[in-house]
C-alpha atoms as a PDB file:
ATOM      1  CA  UNK A   1      31.539  43.824 -49.075  1.00  0.00           C
ATOM      2  CA  UNK A   2      32.929  40.252 -47.684  1.00  0.00           C
ATOM      3  CA  UNK A   3      32.152  38.611 -51.111  1.00  0.00           C
ATOM      4  CA  UNK A   4      34.711  41.069 -52.867  1.00  0.00           C
ATOM      5  CA  UNK A   5      37.272  40.052 -50.690  1.00  0.00           C
ATOM      6  CA  UNK A   6      40.189  37.767 -52.696  1.00  0.00           C
ATOM      7  CA  UNK A   7      39.760  34.474 -52.781  1.00  0.00           C
ATOM      8  CA  UNK A   8      36.071  34.471 -50.917  1.00  0.00           C
ATOM      9  CA  UNK A   9      34.124  31.367 -51.090  1.00  0.00           C
ATOM     10  CA  UNK A  10      30.232  30.590 -49.484  1.00  0.00           C
ATOM     11  CA  UNK A  11      30.799  28.274 -46.931  1.00  0.00           C
ATOM     12  CA  UNK A  12      28.607  25.624 -48.692  1.00  0.00           C
ATOM     13  CA  UNK A  13      31.370  25.608 -51.559  1.00  0.00           C
ATOM     14  CA  UNK A  14      33.697  23.889 -48.724  1.00  0.00           C
ATOM     15  CA  UNK A  15      33.822  19.990 -48.049  1.00  0.00           C
ATOM     16  CA  UNK A  16      33.757  19.782 -44.604  1.00  0.00           C
ATOM     17  CA  UNK A  17      34.916  16.367 -42.725  1.00  0.00           C
ATOM     18  CA  UNK A  18      32.489  16.645 -39.600  1.00  0.00           C
ATOM     19  CA  UNK A  19      28.619  16.339 -39.125  1.00  0.00           C
ATOM     20  CA  UNK A  20      26.892  18.924 -41.708  1.00  0.00           C
ATOM     21  CA  UNK A  21      23.970  21.377 -41.735  1.00  0.00           C
ATOM     22  CA  UNK A  22      22.809  23.724 -44.040  1.00  0.00           C
ATOM     23  CA  UNK A  23      21.883  27.116 -41.960  1.00  0.00           C
ATOM     24  CA  UNK A  24      22.161  27.820 -38.473  1.00  0.00           C
ATOM     25  CA  UNK A  25      21.266  24.611 -37.105  1.00  0.00           C
ATOM     26  CA  UNK A  26      18.832  23.900 -34.072  1.00  0.00           C
ATOM     27  CA  UNK A  27      15.867  25.363 -35.993  1.00  0.00           C
ATOM     28  CA  UNK A  28      16.610  28.935 -35.802  1.00  0.00           C
ATOM     29  CA  UNK A  29      15.726  31.435 -37.833  1.00  0.00           C
ATOM     30  CA  UNK A  30      17.542  32.076 -41.416  1.00  0.00           C
ATOM     31  CA  UNK A  31      17.326  35.627 -40.885  1.00  0.00           C
ATOM     32  CA  UNK A  32      19.966  35.670 -37.835  1.00  0.00           C
ATOM     33  CA  UNK A  33      22.279  33.631 -40.732  1.00  0.00           C
ATOM     34  CA  UNK A  34      24.803  36.039 -42.509  1.00  0.00           C
ATOM     35  CA  UNK A  35      24.221  34.326 -46.186  1.00  0.00           C
ATOM     36  CA  UNK A  36      20.958  32.382 -45.260  1.00  0.00           C
ATOM     37  CA  UNK A  37      21.231  28.636 -46.424  1.00  0.00           C
ATOM     38  CA  UNK A  38      24.680  29.695 -47.912  1.00  0.00           C
ATOM     39  CA  UNK A  39      26.177  28.966 -44.412  1.00  0.00           C
ATOM     40  CA  UNK A  40      26.948  25.595 -42.561  1.00  0.00           C
ATOM     41  CA  UNK A  41      26.901  24.376 -39.230  1.00  0.00           C
ATOM     42  CA  UNK A  42      29.425  21.989 -38.412  1.00  0.00           C
ATOM     43  CA  UNK A  43      29.202  19.334 -35.529  1.00  0.00           C
ATOM     44  CA  UNK A  44      32.715  17.877 -34.636  1.00  0.00           C
ATOM     45  CA  UNK A  45      33.280  13.804 -35.532  1.00  0.00           C
ATOM     46  CA  UNK A  46      35.889  12.322 -33.176  1.00  0.00           C
ATOM     47  CA  UNK A  47      36.659  16.086 -31.821  1.00  0.00           C
ATOM     48  CA  UNK A  48      37.666  17.358 -35.047  1.00  0.00           C
ATOM     49  CA  UNK A  49      36.496  19.402 -38.092  1.00  0.00           C
ATOM     50  CA  UNK A  50      38.724  19.810 -41.066  1.00  0.00           C
ATOM     51  CA  UNK A  51      38.335  20.781 -44.672  1.00  0.00           C
ATOM     52  CA  UNK A  52      40.814  22.358 -47.627  1.00  0.00           C
ATOM     53  CA  UNK A  53      41.076  26.409 -48.601  1.00  0.00           C
ATOM     54  CA  UNK A  54      42.841  27.425 -50.811  1.00  0.00           C
ATOM     55  CA  UNK A  55      45.241  30.370 -50.603  1.00  0.00           C
ATOM     56  CA  UNK A  56      47.038  32.446 -53.204  1.00  0.00           C
ATOM     57  CA  UNK A  57      48.786  35.011 -50.720  1.00  0.00           C
ATOM     58  CA  UNK A  58      49.441  33.005 -47.956  1.00  0.00           C
ATOM     59  CA  UNK A  59      46.494  34.270 -45.741  1.00  0.00           C
ATOM     60  CA  UNK A  60      43.482  32.106 -44.816  1.00  0.00           C
ATOM     61  CA  UNK A  61      40.619  34.324 -43.050  1.00  0.00           C
ATOM     62  CA  UNK A  62      37.573  32.143 -41.156  1.00  0.00           C
ATOM     63  CA  UNK A  63      34.288  34.026 -41.108  1.00  0.00           C
ATOM     64  CA  UNK A  64      32.175  32.226 -38.602  1.00  0.00           C
ATOM     65  CA  UNK A  65      28.977  33.136 -36.877  1.00  0.00           C
ATOM     66  CA  UNK A  66      29.038  33.134 -33.204  1.00  0.00           C
ATOM     67  CA  UNK A  67      26.197  30.675 -31.313  1.00  0.00           C
ATOM     68  CA  UNK A  68      23.616  31.286 -28.577  1.00  0.00           C
ATOM     69  CA  UNK A  69      23.592  27.831 -27.849  1.00  0.00           C
ATOM     70  CA  UNK A  70      25.924  25.052 -28.663  1.00  0.00           C
ATOM     71  CA  UNK A  71      28.908  27.353 -28.244  1.00  0.00           C
ATOM     72  CA  UNK A  72      32.419  25.986 -27.713  1.00  0.00           C
ATOM     73  CA  UNK A  73      35.939  26.893 -27.716  1.00  0.00           C
ATOM     74  CA  UNK A  74      38.393  25.420 -29.939  1.00  0.00           C
ATOM     75  CA  UNK A  75      42.291  25.285 -31.716  1.00  0.00           C
ATOM     76  CA  UNK A  76      42.856  25.832 -35.259  1.00  0.00           C
ATOM     77  CA  UNK A  77      45.551  24.431 -37.236  1.00  0.00           C
ATOM     78  CA  UNK A  78      46.538  24.717 -40.817  1.00  0.00           C
ATOM     79  CA  UNK A  79      48.815  22.137 -42.383  1.00  0.00           C
ATOM     80  CA  UNK A  80      49.388  20.624 -39.298  1.00  0.00           C
ATOM     81  CA  UNK A  81      50.545  23.822 -37.084  1.00  0.00           C
ATOM     82  CA  UNK A  82      48.582  25.244 -34.428  1.00  0.00           C
ATOM     83  CA  UNK A  83      47.597  29.091 -35.191  1.00  0.00           C
ATOM     84  CA  UNK A  84      45.150  29.736 -32.800  1.00  0.00           C
ATOM     85  CA  UNK A  85      44.144  28.481 -29.218  1.00  0.00           C
ATOM     86  CA  UNK A  86      40.678  28.752 -27.554  1.00  0.00           C
ATOM     87  CA  UNK A  87      38.790  30.590 -30.487  1.00  0.00           C
ATOM     88  CA  UNK A  88      35.604  31.120 -29.118  1.00  0.00           C
ATOM     89  CA  UNK A  89      32.062  31.093 -30.650  1.00  0.00           C
ATOM     90  CA  UNK A  90      29.651  32.325 -27.531  1.00  0.00           C
ATOM     91  CA  UNK A  91      27.137  34.625 -28.717  1.00  0.00           C
ATOM     92  CA  UNK A  92      25.499  37.138 -26.734  1.00  0.00           C
ATOM     93  CA  UNK A  93      21.655  37.073 -27.570  1.00  0.00           C
ATOM     94  CA  UNK A  94      21.261  40.719 -27.591  1.00  0.00           C
ATOM     95  CA  UNK A  95      23.704  41.369 -30.441  1.00  0.00           C
ATOM     96  CA  UNK A  96      22.033  39.808 -33.929  1.00  0.00           C
ATOM     97  CA  UNK A  97      20.317  37.171 -31.871  1.00  0.00           C
ATOM     98  CA  UNK A  98      23.500  35.761 -30.774  1.00  0.00           C
ATOM     99  CA  UNK A  99      24.645  34.992 -34.271  1.00  0.00           C
ATOM    100  CA  UNK A 100      27.131  37.722 -34.479  1.00  0.00           C
ATOM    101  CA  UNK A 101      29.927  37.395 -37.267  1.00  0.00           C
ATOM    102  CA  UNK A 102      33.164  37.242 -36.534  1.00  0.00           C
ATOM    103  CA  UNK A 103      36.528  36.522 -38.202  1.00  0.00           C
ATOM    104  CA  UNK A 104      39.894  34.414 -37.283  1.00  0.00           C
ATOM    105  CA  UNK A 105      42.988  35.231 -39.656  1.00  0.00           C
ATOM    106  CA  UNK A 106      45.836  32.755 -40.211  1.00  0.00           C
ATOM    107  CA  UNK A 107      48.966  32.633 -42.138  1.00  0.00           C
ATOM    108  CA  UNK A 108      49.484  29.685 -44.180  1.00  0.00           C
ATOM    109  CA  UNK A 109      52.900  30.109 -46.264  1.00  0.00           C
ATOM    110  CA  UNK A 110      53.153  30.471 -50.112  1.00  0.00           C
ATOM    111  CA  UNK A 111      54.610  27.180 -51.326  1.00  0.00           C
ATOM    112  CA  UNK A 112      51.566  26.380 -52.025  1.00  0.00           C
ATOM    113  CA  UNK A 113      47.831  26.848 -52.700  1.00  0.00           C
ATOM    114  CA  UNK A 114      45.685  24.390 -50.799  1.00  0.00           C
ATOM    115  CA  UNK A 115      46.087  24.249 -47.284  1.00  0.00           C
ATOM    116  CA  UNK A 116      44.176  21.803 -44.474  1.00  0.00           C
ATOM    117  CA  UNK A 117      42.846  23.535 -41.791  1.00  0.00           C
ATOM    118  CA  UNK A 118      41.968  21.325 -38.623  1.00  0.00           C
ATOM    119  CA  UNK A 119      39.990  22.534 -35.634  1.00  0.00           C
ATOM    120  CA  UNK A 120      40.138  20.551 -32.740  1.00  0.00           C
ATOM    121  CA  UNK A 121      40.466  20.334 -28.659  1.00  0.00           C
ATOM    122  CA  UNK A 122      36.769  21.674 -28.291  1.00  0.00           C
ATOM    123  CA  UNK A 123      35.495  22.480 -25.126  1.00  0.00           C
ATOM    124  CA  UNK A 124      31.472  23.063 -24.639  1.00  0.00           C
ATOM    125  CA  UNK A 125      29.237  24.123 -21.860  1.00  0.00           C
ATOM    126  CA  UNK A 126      26.767  22.181 -22.754  1.00  0.00           C
ATOM    127  CA  UNK A 127      28.859  18.782 -24.596  1.00  0.00           C
ATOM    128  CA  UNK A 128      27.423  19.496 -28.245  1.00  0.00           C
ATOM    129  CA  UNK A 129      29.734  21.780 -29.531  1.00  0.00           C
ATOM    130  CA  UNK A 130      28.875  23.204 -33.229  1.00  0.00           C
ATOM    131  CA  UNK A 131      30.607  25.890 -35.344  1.00  0.00           C
ATOM    132  CA  UNK A 132      29.125  27.966 -38.230  1.00  0.00           C
ATOM    133  CA  UNK A 133      31.073  28.825 -40.797  1.00  0.00           C
ATOM    134  CA  UNK A 134      29.834  31.696 -42.999  1.00  0.00           C
ATOM    135  CA  UNK A 135      32.751  32.203 -45.598  1.00  0.00           C
ATOM    136  CA  UNK A 136      36.543  31.764 -46.300  1.00  0.00           C
ATOM    137  CA  UNK A 137      38.494  34.291 -47.899  1.00  0.00           C
ATOM    138  CA  UNK A 138      42.116  35.280 -48.605  1.00  0.00           C
ATOM    139  CA  UNK A 139      41.926  39.034 -46.723  1.00  0.00           C
ATOM    140  CA  UNK A 140      40.445  40.226 -43.664  1.00  0.00           C
ATOM    141  CA  UNK A 141      37.787  42.257 -44.607  1.00  0.00           C
ATOM    142  CA  UNK A 142      36.011  43.900 -41.177  1.00  0.00           C
ATOM    143  CA  UNK A 143      32.306  43.395 -41.353  1.00  0.00           C
ATOM    144  CA  UNK A 144      30.317  44.182 -38.681  1.00  0.00           C
ATOM    145  CA  UNK A 145      26.451  43.123 -38.745  1.00  0.00           C
ATOM    146  CA  UNK A 146      24.850  44.510 -35.828  1.00  0.00           C
ATOM    147  CA  UNK A 147      20.880  44.057 -36.676  1.00  0.00           C
ATOM    148  CA  UNK A 148      18.025  42.066 -34.730  1.00  0.00           C
ATOM    149  CA  UNK A 149      14.804  41.389 -36.931  1.00  0.00           C
ATOM    150  CA  UNK A 150      11.640  42.465 -35.249  1.00  0.00           C
ATOM    151  CA  UNK A 151      13.021  45.926 -34.383  1.00  0.00           C
ATOM    152  CA  UNK A 152      11.951  49.453 -35.411  1.00  0.00           C
ATOM    153  CA  UNK A 153      13.161  52.325 -36.278  1.00  0.00           C
ATOM    154  CA  UNK A 154      12.783  53.507 -32.370  1.00  0.00           C
ATOM    155  CA  UNK A 155      15.115  51.090 -31.405  1.00  0.00           C
ATOM    156  CA  UNK A 156      18.206  52.501 -33.608  1.00  0.00           C
ATOM    157  CA  UNK A 157      17.107  55.860 -32.380  1.00  0.00           C
ATOM    158  CA  UNK A 158      18.356  54.941 -29.043  1.00  0.00           C
ATOM    159  CA  UNK A 159      21.045  52.012 -29.634  1.00  0.00           C
ATOM    160  CA  UNK A 160      22.957  54.175 -32.507  1.00  0.00           C
ATOM    161  CA  UNK A 161      26.197  54.163 -30.186  1.00  0.00           C
ATOM    162  CA  UNK A 162      26.299  50.996 -29.439  1.00  0.00           C
ATOM    163  CA  UNK A 163      25.226  49.222 -32.810  1.00  0.00           C
ATOM    164  CA  UNK A 164      27.122  51.730 -35.292  1.00  0.00           C
ATOM    165  CA  UNK A 165      29.148  54.861 -34.042  1.00  0.00           C
ATOM    166  CA  UNK A 166      31.168  52.556 -31.853  1.00  0.00           C
ATOM    167  CA  UNK A 167      32.467  50.452 -34.899  1.00  0.00           C
ATOM    168  CA  UNK A 168      33.193  53.721 -36.770  1.00  0.00           C
ATOM    169  CA  UNK A 169      32.342  52.252 -40.350  1.00  0.00           C
ATOM    170  CA  UNK A 170      33.813  53.404 -43.714  1.00  0.00           C
ATOM    171  CA  UNK A 171      30.589  51.810 -45.264  1.00  0.00           C
ATOM    172  CA  UNK A 172      27.009  51.411 -43.696  1.00  0.00           C
ATOM    173  CA  UNK A 173      23.985  49.698 -44.985  1.00  0.00           C
ATOM    174  CA  UNK A 174      20.777  50.113 -42.967  1.00  0.00           C
ATOM    175  CA  UNK A 175      17.431  48.759 -43.680  1.00  0.00           C
ATOM    176  CA  UNK A 176      14.890  49.468 -41.373  1.00  0.00           C
ATOM    177  CA  UNK A 177      11.340  50.520 -41.401  1.00  0.00           C
ATOM    178  CA  UNK A 178       9.422  47.194 -42.487  1.00  0.00           C
ATOM    179  CA  UNK A 179       8.469  46.777 -39.001  1.00  0.00           C
ATOM    180  CA  UNK A 180       7.263  50.283 -38.391  1.00  0.00           C
ATOM    181  CA  UNK A 181       4.916  50.296 -41.466  1.00  0.00           C
ATOM    182  CA  UNK A 182       3.306  47.725 -39.606  1.00  0.00           C
ATOM    183  CA  UNK A 183       3.283  48.773 -35.843  1.00  0.00           C
ATOM    184  CA  UNK A 184       2.883  52.521 -36.308  1.00  0.00           C
ATOM    185  CA  UNK A 185       0.639  54.930 -37.767  1.00  0.00           C
ATOM    186  CA  UNK A 186       1.529  57.346 -40.422  1.00  0.00           C
ATOM    187  CA  UNK A 187       2.603  60.395 -38.010  1.00  0.00           C
ATOM    188  CA  UNK A 188       4.842  58.171 -35.750  1.00  0.00           C
ATOM    189  CA  UNK A 189       5.841  56.130 -38.575  1.00  0.00           C
ATOM    190  CA  UNK A 190       7.443  59.350 -40.403  1.00  0.00           C
ATOM    191  CA  UNK A 191       8.350  60.822 -37.368  1.00  0.00           C
ATOM    192  CA  UNK A 192      10.695  57.886 -36.958  1.00  0.00           C
END
């Protein structure tokens, strides 16, 4: 769904000014990354991360992943104009292992197509802020990823309201059962 958004680019297609690592960094499991190694985790240099983003409709949407460690708050400017303050990347470990996807949308004008995006004014509890970029596009697509690796079908039976119903999805993709066949006998597997 996200890949069909106008102007969609994976994070690894962008040229960041900052210290970059493919994936989530911190030796995190790529299963928690929304796009595997296509995501990029960036550490600010001189308290800034910057990159150029294209827009043909006056909008830029950043798709980021929250972080259970090295999370931070920061401001975002586009073409020198502050757009957002205190964007927070704190991820709670019970939601997608803390690497939950979220989006931040900005207006950037239509007088040009390439815009300079700068993240700055970093505030971090541990002094080592990192930002995990998943993608960028020109239109907001609300995608919610609520999975958590290692769970079984029993998990969704107990957490359906919290993980799915509260989001009232128009489209839903559910992949589960792989762990069940390893842990349960045939009868319990079929019951779940």
